[in-house]
Amino acid sequence: MDLKMTAEELTGFMAEVFPQVVDDFGVEEVRPMGITMRLKVSERHLRPGGTVSGPSMFALADVAVYLAVLAMIGPQALAVTTNCSIDFMRKPAAGVDLIAECRLLKLGRVLAVGDVLIHSDGNDAPVARASLTYSIPPVAVG
């Protein structure tokens, strides 16, 4: 399967459609059926105790699957999360960016299923694992 969007195009799309969060994330690598993303950890991503919050890790997993899907199908702003399950396994390193390794397990006409492993930059031990399902909008004919 060929890519429909590059890392630069995905970043530009995020800037256009989600300007409120685009600066939180970086696209490290795009490949067929997968993507590597970075959460640029800042003070606003931390919870008491100085560790990255669960909602911030969820956002990273969600954006990773979203952009992995778009890389394969092209810009579809209305693709939406329909299910997510996330396991938090260990405390992320304090003040360190998080890396998400996403692979799409299924890419159909109406649903996509992705798996995401998140780890602290510089440490391969996963801090979280997520499984997400996305609904892909029908292509308008006209």
C-alpha atoms as a PDB file:
ATOM      1  CA  MET A   1       0.000   0.000   0.000  1.00  0.00           C
ATOM      2  CA  ASP A   2       1.270   3.423  -0.916  1.00  0.00           C
ATOM      3  CA  LEU A   3       1.324   6.472   1.326  1.00  0.00           C
ATOM      4  CA  LYS A   4      -1.108   9.249   0.420  1.00  0.00           C
ATOM      5  CA  MET A   5       0.449  11.848   2.756  1.00  0.00           C
ATOM      6  CA  THR A   6       4.025  12.602   3.844  1.00  0.00           C
ATOM      7  CA  ALA A   7       5.186  13.689   7.312  1.00  0.00           C
ATOM      8  CA  GLU A   8       5.253  17.306   6.117  1.00  0.00           C
ATOM      9  CA  GLU A   9       1.739  17.074   4.666  1.00  0.00           C
ATOM     10  CA  LEU A  10       0.407  15.490   7.874  1.00  0.00           C
ATOM     11  CA  THR A  11       1.959  18.270   9.954  1.00  0.00           C
ATOM     12  CA  GLY A  12       0.475  20.908   7.644  1.00  0.00           C
ATOM     13  CA  PHE A  13      -2.934  19.227   7.851  1.00  0.00           C
ATOM     14  CA  MET A  14      -2.767  19.235  11.661  1.00  0.00           C
ATOM     15  CA  ALA A  15      -1.819  22.933  11.622  1.00  0.00           C
ATOM     16  CA  GLU A  16      -4.870  23.672   9.485  1.00  0.00           C
ATOM     17  CA  VAL A  17      -7.446  21.440  11.209  1.00  0.00           C
ATOM     18  CA  PHE A  18      -6.130  21.260  14.807  1.00  0.00           C
ATOM     19  CA  PRO A  19      -4.062  24.429  15.333  1.00  0.00           C
ATOM     20  CA  GLN A  20      -4.731  24.284  19.084  1.00  0.00           C
ATOM     21  CA  VAL A  21      -2.591  21.127  19.522  1.00  0.00           C
ATOM     22  CA  VAL A  22      -0.288  20.882  16.503  1.00  0.00           C
ATOM     23  CA  ASP A  23       2.702  22.245  18.440  1.00  0.00           C
ATOM     24  CA  ASP A  24       2.397  19.442  21.021  1.00  0.00           C
ATOM     25  CA  PHE A  25       3.240  16.731  18.489  1.00  0.00           C
ATOM     26  CA  GLY A  26       5.942  15.899  15.995  1.00  0.00           C
ATOM     27  CA  VAL A  27       5.796  13.391  13.164  1.00  0.00           C
ATOM     28  CA  GLU A  28       9.077  11.488  13.369  1.00  0.00           C
ATOM     29  CA  GLU A  29       8.505   8.921  10.593  1.00  0.00           C
ATOM     30  CA  VAL A  30       5.691   7.828   8.300  1.00  0.00           C
ATOM     31  CA  ARG A  31       5.662   4.392   6.701  1.00  0.00           C
ATOM     32  CA  PRO A  32       2.999   2.205   5.088  1.00  0.00           C
ATOM     33  CA  MET A  33       0.530   1.168   7.821  1.00  0.00           C
ATOM     34  CA  GLY A  34       2.511   2.939  10.559  1.00  0.00           C
ATOM     35  CA  ILE A  35       3.870   6.124  12.060  1.00  0.00           C
ATOM     36  CA  THR A  36       6.243   7.271  14.790  1.00  0.00           C
ATOM     37  CA  MET A  37       5.082  10.335  16.727  1.00  0.00           C
ATOM     38  CA  ARG A  38       6.561  12.503  19.479  1.00  0.00           C
ATOM     39  CA  LEU A  39       4.750  14.264  22.308  1.00  0.00           C
ATOM     40  CA  LYS A  40       6.796  17.382  23.042  1.00  0.00           C
ATOM     41  CA  VAL A  41       6.361  17.236  26.795  1.00  0.00           C
ATOM     42  CA  SER A  42       5.900  20.564  28.560  1.00  0.00           C
ATOM     43  CA  GLU A  43       4.593  21.686  31.939  1.00  0.00           C
ATOM     44  CA  ARG A  44       0.993  21.507  30.725  1.00  0.00           C
ATOM     45  CA  HIS A  45       1.311  17.749  30.107  1.00  0.00           C
ATOM     46  CA  LEU A  46       2.342  16.960  33.689  1.00  0.00           C
ATOM     47  CA  ARG A  47       0.251  15.759  36.575  1.00  0.00           C
ATOM     48  CA  PRO A  48       1.085  16.109  40.285  1.00  0.00           C
ATOM     49  CA  GLY A  49       4.315  14.248  40.942  1.00  0.00           C
ATOM     50  CA  GLY A  50       5.903  15.552  37.740  1.00  0.00           C
ATOM     51  CA  THR A  51       4.965  12.705  35.424  1.00  0.00           C
ATOM     52  CA  VAL A  52       3.136  12.904  32.097  1.00  0.00           C
ATOM     53  CA  SER A  53      -0.623  12.693  32.610  1.00  0.00           C
ATOM     54  CA  GLY A  54      -2.802   9.892  31.311  1.00  0.00           C
ATOM     55  CA  PRO A  55      -4.870  12.257  29.134  1.00  0.00           C
ATOM     56  CA  SER A  56      -1.662  13.470  27.458  1.00  0.00           C
ATOM     57  CA  MET A  57      -0.632   9.877  26.708  1.00  0.00           C
ATOM     58  CA  PHE A  58      -4.125   9.168  25.365  1.00  0.00           C
ATOM     59  CA  ALA A  59      -3.854  12.224  23.100  1.00  0.00           C
ATOM     60  CA  LEU A  60      -0.522  10.977  21.734  1.00  0.00           C
ATOM     61  CA  ALA A  61      -1.956   7.526  20.964  1.00  0.00           C
ATOM     62  CA  ASP A  62      -5.095   9.038  19.416  1.00  0.00           C
ATOM     63  CA  VAL A  63      -3.181  11.461  17.186  1.00  0.00           C
ATOM     64  CA  ALA A  64      -0.775   8.695  16.138  1.00  0.00           C
ATOM     65  CA  VAL A  65      -3.562   6.422  14.881  1.00  0.00           C
ATOM     66  CA  TYR A  66      -5.410   9.356  13.296  1.00  0.00           C
ATOM     67  CA  LEU A  67      -2.357  10.443  11.317  1.00  0.00           C
ATOM     68  CA  ALA A  68      -1.391   6.852  10.426  1.00  0.00           C
ATOM     69  CA  VAL A  69      -4.872   6.420   8.920  1.00  0.00           C
ATOM     70  CA  LEU A  70      -4.668   9.739   7.051  1.00  0.00           C
ATOM     71  CA  ALA A  71      -1.218   8.862   5.727  1.00  0.00           C
ATOM     72  CA  MET A  72      -2.843   5.856   4.043  1.00  0.00           C
ATOM     73  CA  ILE A  73      -6.197   7.330   2.883  1.00  0.00           C
ATOM     74  CA  GLY A  74      -5.445  11.033   2.433  1.00  0.00           C
ATOM     75  CA  PRO A  75      -6.819  14.084   4.281  1.00  0.00           C
ATOM     76  CA  GLN A  76     -10.143  13.117   5.866  1.00  0.00           C
ATOM     77  CA  ALA A  77     -10.748  15.540   8.728  1.00  0.00           C
ATOM     78  CA  LEU A  78     -13.902  13.701   9.811  1.00  0.00           C
ATOM     79  CA  ALA A  79     -12.281  10.330  10.578  1.00  0.00           C
ATOM     80  CA  VAL A  80     -13.122   9.820  14.260  1.00  0.00           C
ATOM     81  CA  THR A  81     -12.185   7.579  17.175  1.00  0.00           C
ATOM     82  CA  THR A  82     -14.913   5.041  17.923  1.00  0.00           C
ATOM     83  CA  ASN A  83     -13.093   2.998  20.569  1.00  0.00           C
ATOM     84  CA  CYS A  84      -9.956   3.171  22.689  1.00  0.00           C
ATOM     85  CA  SER A  85      -8.404   0.938  25.298  1.00  0.00           C
ATOM     86  CA  ILE A  86      -5.198   2.036  27.000  1.00  0.00           C
ATOM     87  CA  ASP A  87      -3.003   0.284  29.537  1.00  0.00           C
ATOM     88  CA  PHE A  88      -0.651   2.406  31.633  1.00  0.00           C
ATOM     89  CA  MET A  89       2.309   0.185  32.515  1.00  0.00           C
ATOM     90  CA  ARG A  90       4.937   2.331  34.195  1.00  0.00           C
ATOM     91  CA  LYS A  91       5.681   5.920  35.097  1.00  0.00           C
ATOM     92  CA  PRO A  92       7.184   7.917  32.213  1.00  0.00           C
ATOM     93  CA  ALA A  93      10.536   9.593  32.791  1.00  0.00           C
ATOM     94  CA  ALA A  94      10.108  13.128  34.188  1.00  0.00           C
ATOM     95  CA  GLY A  95      10.502  15.956  31.693  1.00  0.00           C
ATOM     96  CA  VAL A  96      11.273  13.658  28.751  1.00  0.00           C
ATOM     97  CA  ASP A  97       9.370  13.568  25.448  1.00  0.00           C
ATOM     98  CA  LEU A  98       7.225  10.521  24.758  1.00  0.00           C
ATOM     99  CA  ILE A  99       7.521   8.479  21.570  1.00  0.00           C
ATOM    100  CA  ALA A 100       4.584   6.568  20.080  1.00  0.00           C
ATOM    101  CA  GLU A 101       5.145   3.669  17.700  1.00  0.00           C
ATOM    102  CA  CYS A 102       1.883   3.048  15.855  1.00  0.00           C
ATOM    103  CA  ARG A 103       0.989   0.287  13.451  1.00  0.00           C
ATOM    104  CA  LEU A 104      -2.312  -0.146  11.695  1.00  0.00           C
ATOM    105  CA  LEU A 105      -3.574  -3.686  12.086  1.00  0.00           C
ATOM    106  CA  LYS A 106      -6.588  -3.238   9.789  1.00  0.00           C
ATOM    107  CA  LEU A 107      -7.454  -0.579   7.267  1.00  0.00           C
ATOM    108  CA  GLY A 108     -10.852  -1.164   5.734  1.00  0.00           C
ATOM    109  CA  ARG A 109     -13.345   1.028   3.892  1.00  0.00           C
ATOM    110  CA  VAL A 110     -15.140   2.145   7.061  1.00  0.00           C
ATOM    111  CA  LEU A 111     -12.970   1.079  10.011  1.00  0.00           C
ATOM    112  CA  ALA A 112      -9.293   1.156  10.911  1.00  0.00           C
ATOM    113  CA  VAL A 113      -7.717  -0.537  13.923  1.00  0.00           C
ATOM    114  CA  GLY A 114      -4.362   0.588  15.295  1.00  0.00           C
ATOM    115  CA  ASP A 115      -1.990  -0.486  18.041  1.00  0.00           C
ATOM    116  CA  VAL A 116       0.305   2.023  19.780  1.00  0.00           C
ATOM    117  CA  LEU A 117       3.261   1.499  22.118  1.00  0.00           C
ATOM    118  CA  ILE A 118       4.413   4.603  23.994  1.00  0.00           C
ATOM    119  CA  HIS A 119       7.821   4.960  25.634  1.00  0.00           C
ATOM    120  CA  SER A 120       9.961   7.721  27.081  1.00  0.00           C
ATOM    121  CA  ASP A 121      12.534   9.032  24.606  1.00  0.00           C
ATOM    122  CA  GLY A 122      15.785   7.173  25.188  1.00  0.00           C
ATOM    123  CA  ASN A 123      14.138   4.237  26.996  1.00  0.00           C
ATOM    124  CA  ASP A 124      12.564   1.345  25.078  1.00  0.00           C
ATOM    125  CA  ALA A 125      10.455   0.069  28.004  1.00  0.00           C
ATOM    126  CA  PRO A 126       6.811   0.883  27.202  1.00  0.00           C
ATOM    127  CA  VAL A 127       4.954   3.232  29.539  1.00  0.00           C
ATOM    128  CA  ALA A 128       1.584   2.625  27.853  1.00  0.00           C
ATOM    129  CA  ARG A 129      -0.077   0.501  25.199  1.00  0.00           C
ATOM    130  CA  ALA A 130      -3.230   1.523  23.382  1.00  0.00           C
ATOM    131  CA  SER A 131      -5.592  -0.041  20.891  1.00  0.00           C
ATOM    132  CA  LEU A 132      -7.850   2.309  18.923  1.00  0.00           C
ATOM    133  CA  THR A 133     -10.556   1.941  16.311  1.00  0.00           C
ATOM    134  CA  TYR A 134     -11.312   4.748  13.870  1.00  0.00           C
ATOM    135  CA  SER A 135     -14.389   5.266  11.742  1.00  0.00           C
ATOM    136  CA  ILE A 136     -13.556   6.432   8.226  1.00  0.00           C
ATOM    137  CA  PRO A 137     -16.173   8.698   6.601  1.00  0.00           C
ATOM    138  CA  PRO A 138     -17.652   7.567   3.287  1.00  0.00           C
ATOM    139  CA  VAL A 139     -16.116   9.183   0.240  1.00  0.00           C
ATOM    140  CA  ALA A 140     -18.477  11.726  -1.281  1.00  0.00           C
ATOM    141  CA  VAL A 141     -19.423  10.929  -4.866  1.00  0.00           C
ATOM    142  CA  GLY A 142     -20.382  13.814  -6.962  1.00  0.00           C
END
